[in-house]
């Protein structure tokens, strides 16, 4: 399943790299990431809420994107 999130709090490429590593180590495939947006591919049965919590624990905020 592909999920798009809006991000806040990321300031630099280092933040992006840190967040990518955290999410991928939790089992998500990062399809695209910028300072303001994130596109993840997660497996069936994985909950997006768990990944939002990982983002928050890393010091950033996320919510489901509204296109």
PDB file of N, CA and C in Angstrom:
ATOM      1  N   UNK A   1       0.850  -1.165   0.000  1.00  0.00           N
ATOM      2  CA  UNK A   1       0.000   0.000   0.000  1.00  0.00           C
ATOM      3  C   UNK A   1       0.900   1.233   0.000  1.00  0.00           C
ATOM      4  N   UNK A   2       0.564   2.219  -0.815  1.00  0.00           N
ATOM      5  CA  UNK A   2       1.322   3.462  -0.888  1.00  0.00           C
ATOM      6  C   UNK A   2       0.585   4.531  -0.085  1.00  0.00           C
ATOM      7  N   UNK A   3       1.339   5.227   0.775  1.00  0.00           N
ATOM      8  CA  UNK A   3       0.785   6.238   1.663  1.00  0.00           C
ATOM      9  C   UNK A   3       1.555   7.536   1.465  1.00  0.00           C
ATOM     10  N   UNK A   4       0.826   8.653   1.392  1.00  0.00           N
ATOM     11  CA  UNK A   4       1.462   9.971   1.288  1.00  0.00           C
ATOM     12  C   UNK A   4       1.210  10.742   2.578  1.00  0.00           C
ATOM     13  N   UNK A   5       2.290  11.324   3.105  1.00  0.00           N
ATOM     14  CA  UNK A   5       2.210  12.096   4.338  1.00  0.00           C
ATOM     15  C   UNK A   5       2.755  13.498   4.122  1.00  0.00           C
ATOM     16  N   UNK A   6       2.192  14.451   4.847  1.00  0.00           N
ATOM     17  CA  UNK A   6       2.739  15.805   4.925  1.00  0.00           C
ATOM     18  C   UNK A   6       3.628  15.852   6.155  1.00  0.00           C
ATOM     19  N   UNK A   7       4.819  16.443   6.004  1.00  0.00           N
ATOM     20  CA  UNK A   7       5.797  16.494   7.084  1.00  0.00           C
ATOM     21  C   UNK A   7       6.038  17.925   7.536  1.00  0.00           C
ATOM     22  N   UNK A   8       6.362  18.086   8.819  1.00  0.00           N
ATOM     23  CA  UNK A   8       6.828  19.366   9.338  1.00  0.00           C
ATOM     24  C   UNK A   8       8.005  19.106  10.264  1.00  0.00           C
ATOM     25  N   UNK A   9       8.899  20.065  10.327  1.00  0.00           N
ATOM     26  CA  UNK A   9      10.025  19.981  11.244  1.00  0.00           C
ATOM     27  C   UNK A   9      11.347  19.587  10.617  1.00  0.00           C
ATOM     28  N   UNK A  10      11.333  19.070   9.399  1.00  0.00           N
ATOM     29  CA  UNK A  10      12.587  18.722   8.739  1.00  0.00           C
ATOM     30  C   UNK A  10      13.236  19.999   8.225  1.00  0.00           C
ATOM     31  N   UNK A  11      14.551  20.122   8.433  1.00  0.00           N
ATOM     32  CA  UNK A  11      15.249  21.359   8.087  1.00  0.00           C
ATOM     33  C   UNK A  11      16.348  21.173   7.044  1.00  0.00           C
ATOM     34  N   UNK A  12      16.833  19.927   6.860  1.00  0.00           N
ATOM     35  CA  UNK A  12      17.999  19.751   5.989  1.00  0.00           C
ATOM     36  C   UNK A  12      18.058  18.322   5.440  1.00  0.00           C
ATOM     37  N   UNK A  13      19.032  18.084   4.574  1.00  0.00           N
ATOM     38  CA  UNK A  13      19.217  16.750   3.998  1.00  0.00           C
ATOM     39  C   UNK A  13      19.585  15.724   5.058  1.00  0.00           C
ATOM     40  N   UNK A  14      20.253  16.170   6.115  1.00  0.00           N
ATOM     41  CA  UNK A  14      20.585  15.267   7.217  1.00  0.00           C
ATOM     42  C   UNK A  14      19.331  14.749   7.905  1.00  0.00           C
ATOM     43  N   UNK A  15      18.339  15.624   8.072  1.00  0.00           N
ATOM     44  CA  UNK A  15      17.054  15.218   8.660  1.00  0.00           C
ATOM     45  C   UNK A  15      16.384  14.167   7.781  1.00  0.00           C
ATOM     46  N   UNK A  16      16.420  14.404   6.480  1.00  0.00           N
ATOM     47  CA  UNK A  16      15.814  13.472   5.530  1.00  0.00           C
ATOM     48  C   UNK A  16      16.496  12.115   5.618  1.00  0.00           C
ATOM     49  N   UNK A  17      17.825  12.103   5.650  1.00  0.00           N
ATOM     50  CA  UNK A  17      18.570  10.842   5.712  1.00  0.00           C
ATOM     51  C   UNK A  17      18.271  10.092   7.004  1.00  0.00           C
ATOM     52  N   UNK A  18      18.218  10.815   8.118  1.00  0.00           N
ATOM     53  CA  UNK A  18      17.911  10.198   9.412  1.00  0.00           C
ATOM     54  C   UNK A  18      16.523   9.565   9.392  1.00  0.00           C
ATOM     55  N   UNK A  19      15.551  10.302   8.887  1.00  0.00           N
ATOM     56  CA  UNK A  19      14.178   9.808   8.858  1.00  0.00           C
ATOM     57  C   UNK A  19      14.043   8.617   7.918  1.00  0.00           C
ATOM     58  N   UNK A  20      14.674   8.674   6.759  1.00  0.00           N
ATOM     59  CA  UNK A  20      14.639   7.561   5.808  1.00  0.00           C
ATOM     60  C   UNK A  20      15.168   6.286   6.477  1.00  0.00           C
ATOM     61  N   UNK A  21      16.279   6.398   7.176  1.00  0.00           N
ATOM     62  CA  UNK A  21      16.887   5.240   7.845  1.00  0.00           C
ATOM     63  C   UNK A  21      15.942   4.655   8.891  1.00  0.00           C
ATOM     64  N   UNK A  22      15.330   5.521   9.695  1.00  0.00           N
ATOM     65  CA  UNK A  22      14.389   5.068  10.730  1.00  0.00           C
ATOM     66  C   UNK A  22      13.207   4.317  10.113  1.00  0.00           C
ATOM     67  N   UNK A  23      12.632   4.876   9.063  1.00  0.00           N
ATOM     68  CA  UNK A  23      11.456   4.268   8.437  1.00  0.00           C
ATOM     69  C   UNK A  23      11.803   2.954   7.744  1.00  0.00           C
ATOM     70  N   UNK A  24      12.922   2.920   7.047  1.00  0.00           N
ATOM     71  CA  UNK A  24      13.313   1.693   6.354  1.00  0.00           C
ATOM     72  C   UNK A  24      13.676   0.590   7.340  1.00  0.00           C
ATOM     73  N   UNK A  25      14.263   0.943   8.477  1.00  0.00           N
ATOM     74  CA  UNK A  25      14.589  -0.081   9.470  1.00  0.00           C
ATOM     75  C   UNK A  25      13.325  -0.654  10.112  1.00  0.00           C
ATOM     76  N   UNK A  26      12.211   0.086  10.020  1.00  0.00           N
ATOM     77  CA  UNK A  26      10.930  -0.392  10.545  1.00  0.00           C
ATOM     78  C   UNK A  26      10.122  -1.163   9.497  1.00  0.00           C
ATOM     79  N   UNK A  27      10.672  -1.295   8.285  1.00  0.00           N
ATOM     80  CA  UNK A  27      10.010  -2.115   7.278  1.00  0.00           C
ATOM     81  C   UNK A  27       9.287  -1.376   6.171  1.00  0.00           C
ATOM     82  N   UNK A  28       9.387  -0.060   6.135  1.00  0.00           N
ATOM     83  CA  UNK A  28       8.749   0.705   5.059  1.00  0.00           C
ATOM     84  C   UNK A  28       9.733   0.895   3.914  1.00  0.00           C
ATOM     85  N   UNK A  29       9.208   1.033   2.707  1.00  0.00           N
ATOM     86  CA  UNK A  29      10.033   1.409   1.570  1.00  0.00           C
ATOM     87  C   UNK A  29       9.740   2.879   1.276  1.00  0.00           C
ATOM     88  N   UNK A  30      10.752   3.713   1.392  1.00  0.00           N
ATOM     89  CA  UNK A  30      10.587   5.142   1.128  1.00  0.00           C
ATOM     90  C   UNK A  30      10.667   5.349  -0.377  1.00  0.00           C
ATOM     91  N   UNK A  31       9.549   5.744  -0.970  1.00  0.00           N
ATOM     92  CA  UNK A  31       9.483   5.953  -2.421  1.00  0.00           C
ATOM     93  C   UNK A  31       9.859   7.375  -2.795  1.00  0.00           C
ATOM     94  N   UNK A  32       9.685   8.297  -1.875  1.00  0.00           N
ATOM     95  CA  UNK A  32      10.030   9.688  -2.122  1.00  0.00           C
ATOM     96  C   UNK A  32       9.965  10.466  -0.826  1.00  0.00           C
ATOM     97  N   UNK A  33      10.917  11.374  -0.632  1.00  0.00           N
ATOM     98  CA  UNK A  33      10.919  12.177   0.594  1.00  0.00           C
ATOM     99  C   UNK A  33      11.531  13.540   0.295  1.00  0.00           C
ATOM    100  N   UNK A  34      10.914  14.568   0.865  1.00  0.00           N
ATOM    101  CA  UNK A  34      11.438  15.932   0.790  1.00  0.00           C
ATOM    102  C   UNK A  34      11.253  16.549   2.174  1.00  0.00           C
ATOM    103  N   UNK A  35      11.544  17.827   2.300  1.00  0.00           N
ATOM    104  CA  UNK A  35      11.373  18.478   3.591  1.00  0.00           C
ATOM    105  C   UNK A  35       9.910  18.579   4.006  1.00  0.00           C
ATOM    106  N   UNK A  36       8.989  18.470   3.040  1.00  0.00           N
ATOM    107  CA  UNK A  36       7.566  18.660   3.346  1.00  0.00           C
ATOM    108  C   UNK A  36       6.674  17.471   3.036  1.00  0.00           C
ATOM    109  N   UNK A  37       7.165  16.494   2.272  1.00  0.00           N
ATOM    110  CA  UNK A  37       6.318  15.371   1.858  1.00  0.00           C
ATOM    111  C   UNK A  37       7.073  14.052   1.939  1.00  0.00           C
ATOM    112  N   UNK A  38       6.299  13.001   2.159  1.00  0.00           N
ATOM    113  CA  UNK A  38       6.854  11.656   2.241  1.00  0.00           C
ATOM    114  C   UNK A  38       5.899  10.694   1.556  1.00  0.00           C
ATOM    115  N   UNK A  39       6.450   9.809   0.745  1.00  0.00           N
ATOM    116  CA  UNK A  39       5.653   8.755   0.129  1.00  0.00           C
ATOM    117  C   UNK A  39       6.274   7.422   0.532  1.00  0.00           C
ATOM    118  N   UNK A  40       5.477   6.614   1.219  1.00  0.00           N
ATOM    119  CA  UNK A  40       5.921   5.315   1.726  1.00  0.00           C
ATOM    120  C   UNK A  40       5.162   4.192   1.061  1.00  0.00           C
ATOM    121  N   UNK A  41       5.820   3.071   0.918  1.00  0.00           N
ATOM    122  CA  UNK A  41       5.133   1.840   0.550  1.00  0.00           C
ATOM    123  C   UNK A  41       5.263   0.914   1.751  1.00  0.00           C
ATOM    124  N   UNK A  42       4.117   0.503   2.285  1.00  0.00           N
ATOM    125  CA  UNK A  42       4.118  -0.383   3.444  1.00  0.00           C
ATOM    126  C   UNK A  42       3.382  -1.669   3.100  1.00  0.00           C
ATOM    127  N   UNK A  43       3.744  -2.717   3.800  1.00  0.00           N
ATOM    128  CA  UNK A  43       3.162  -4.031   3.544  1.00  0.00           C
ATOM    129  C   UNK A  43       1.734  -4.103   4.072  1.00  0.00           C
ATOM    130  N   UNK A  44       0.983  -4.993   3.481  1.00  0.00           N
ATOM    131  CA  UNK A  44      -0.377  -5.264   3.946  1.00  0.00           C
ATOM    132  C   UNK A  44      -0.309  -5.657   5.418  1.00  0.00           C
ATOM    133  N   UNK A  45      -1.163  -5.093   6.224  1.00  0.00           N
ATOM    134  CA  UNK A  45      -1.187  -5.404   7.646  1.00  0.00           C
ATOM    135  C   UNK A  45      -0.385  -4.433   8.504  1.00  0.00           C
ATOM    136  N   UNK A  46       0.532  -3.683   7.893  1.00  0.00           N
ATOM    137  CA  UNK A  46       1.257  -2.667   8.653  1.00  0.00           C
ATOM    138  C   UNK A  46       0.354  -1.452   8.813  1.00  0.00           C
ATOM    139  N   UNK A  47       0.459  -0.789   9.950  1.00  0.00           N
ATOM    140  CA  UNK A  47      -0.389   0.369  10.227  1.00  0.00           C
ATOM    141  C   UNK A  47       0.388   1.661  10.036  1.00  0.00           C
ATOM    142  N   UNK A  48      -0.192   2.582   9.302  1.00  0.00           N
ATOM    143  CA  UNK A  48       0.459   3.868   9.061  1.00  0.00           C
ATOM    144  C   UNK A  48       0.681   4.619  10.368  1.00  0.00           C
ATOM    145  N   UNK A  49      -0.187   4.402  11.339  1.00  0.00           N
ATOM    146  CA  UNK A  49      -0.037   5.073  12.628  1.00  0.00           C
ATOM    147  C   UNK A  49       1.304   4.744  13.271  1.00  0.00           C
ATOM    148  N   UNK A  50       1.784   3.512  13.076  1.00  0.00           N
ATOM    149  CA  UNK A  50       3.084   3.121  13.630  1.00  0.00           C
ATOM    150  C   UNK A  50       4.206   3.940  13.005  1.00  0.00           C
ATOM    151  N   UNK A  51       4.108   4.209  11.714  1.00  0.00           N
ATOM    152  CA  UNK A  51       5.140   4.982  11.031  1.00  0.00           C
ATOM    153  C   UNK A  51       5.053   6.464  11.400  1.00  0.00           C
ATOM    154  N   UNK A  52       3.849   6.966  11.600  1.00  0.00           N
ATOM    155  CA  UNK A  52       3.694   8.347  12.066  1.00  0.00           C
ATOM    156  C   UNK A  52       4.326   8.494  13.447  1.00  0.00           C
ATOM    157  N   UNK A  53       4.166   7.490  14.291  1.00  0.00           N
ATOM    158  CA  UNK A  53       4.780   7.519  15.625  1.00  0.00           C
ATOM    159  C   UNK A  53       6.310   7.510  15.529  1.00  0.00           C
ATOM    160  N   UNK A  54       6.863   6.738  14.608  1.00  0.00           N
ATOM    161  CA  UNK A  54       8.317   6.724  14.386  1.00  0.00           C
ATOM    162  C   UNK A  54       8.794   8.118  13.987  1.00  0.00           C
ATOM    163  N   UNK A  55       8.048   8.766  13.104  1.00  0.00           N
ATOM    164  CA  UNK A  55       8.394  10.121  12.660  1.00  0.00           C
ATOM    165  C   UNK A  55       8.371  11.086  13.841  1.00  0.00           C
ATOM    166  N   UNK A  56       7.356  10.979  14.681  1.00  0.00           N
ATOM    167  CA  UNK A  56       7.246  11.873  15.842  1.00  0.00           C
ATOM    168  C   UNK A  56       8.366  11.626  16.848  1.00  0.00           C
ATOM    169  N   UNK A  57       8.704  10.368  17.070  1.00  0.00           N
ATOM    170  CA  UNK A  57       9.802  10.054  17.992  1.00  0.00           C
ATOM    171  C   UNK A  57      11.138  10.567  17.470  1.00  0.00           C
ATOM    172  N   UNK A  58      11.259  10.710  16.161  1.00  0.00           N
ATOM    173  CA  UNK A  58      12.484  11.250  15.562  1.00  0.00           C
ATOM    174  C   UNK A  58      12.533  12.779  15.668  1.00  0.00           C
ATOM    175  N   UNK A  59      11.443  13.381  16.164  1.00  0.00           N
ATOM    176  CA  UNK A  59      11.434  14.822  16.381  1.00  0.00           C
ATOM    177  C   UNK A  59      10.710  15.637  15.331  1.00  0.00           C
ATOM    178  N   UNK A  60       9.945  14.966  14.479  1.00  0.00           N
ATOM    179  CA  UNK A  60       9.224  15.655  13.404  1.00  0.00           C
ATOM    180  C   UNK A  60       7.736  15.375  13.563  1.00  0.00           C
ATOM    181  N   UNK A  61       6.923  15.942  12.687  1.00  0.00           N
ATOM    182  CA  UNK A  61       5.493  15.664  12.731  1.00  0.00           C
ATOM    183  C   UNK A  61       5.028  15.249  11.345  1.00  0.00           C
ATOM    184  N   UNK A  62       3.961  14.457  11.324  1.00  0.00           N
ATOM    185  CA  UNK A  62       3.416  13.964  10.059  1.00  0.00           C
ATOM    186  C   UNK A  62       1.916  13.785  10.184  1.00  0.00           C
ATOM    187  N   UNK A  63       1.252  13.950   9.055  1.00  0.00           N
ATOM    188  CA  UNK A  63      -0.177  13.649   8.967  1.00  0.00           C
ATOM    189  C   UNK A  63      -0.450  13.182   7.551  1.00  0.00           C
ATOM    190  N   UNK A  64      -1.539  12.470   7.383  1.00  0.00           N
ATOM    191  CA  UNK A  64      -1.904  12.005   6.051  1.00  0.00           C
ATOM    192  C   UNK A  64      -2.102  13.201   5.140  1.00  0.00           C
ATOM    193  N   UNK A  65      -1.531  13.122   3.958  1.00  0.00           N
ATOM    194  CA  UNK A  65      -1.643  14.211   2.987  1.00  0.00           C
ATOM    195  C   UNK A  65      -3.038  14.227   2.392  1.00  0.00           C
ATOM    196  N   UNK A  66      -3.533  15.404   2.140  1.00  0.00           N
ATOM    197  CA  UNK A  66      -4.820  15.564   1.468  1.00  0.00           C
ATOM    198  C   UNK A  66      -4.550  16.173   0.110  1.00  0.00           C
ATOM    199  N   UNK A  67      -4.740  15.367  -0.918  1.00  0.00           N
ATOM    200  CA  UNK A  67      -4.480  15.835  -2.292  1.00  0.00           C
ATOM    201  C   UNK A  67      -5.681  16.534  -2.854  1.00  0.00           C
TER     202      UNK A  67
END
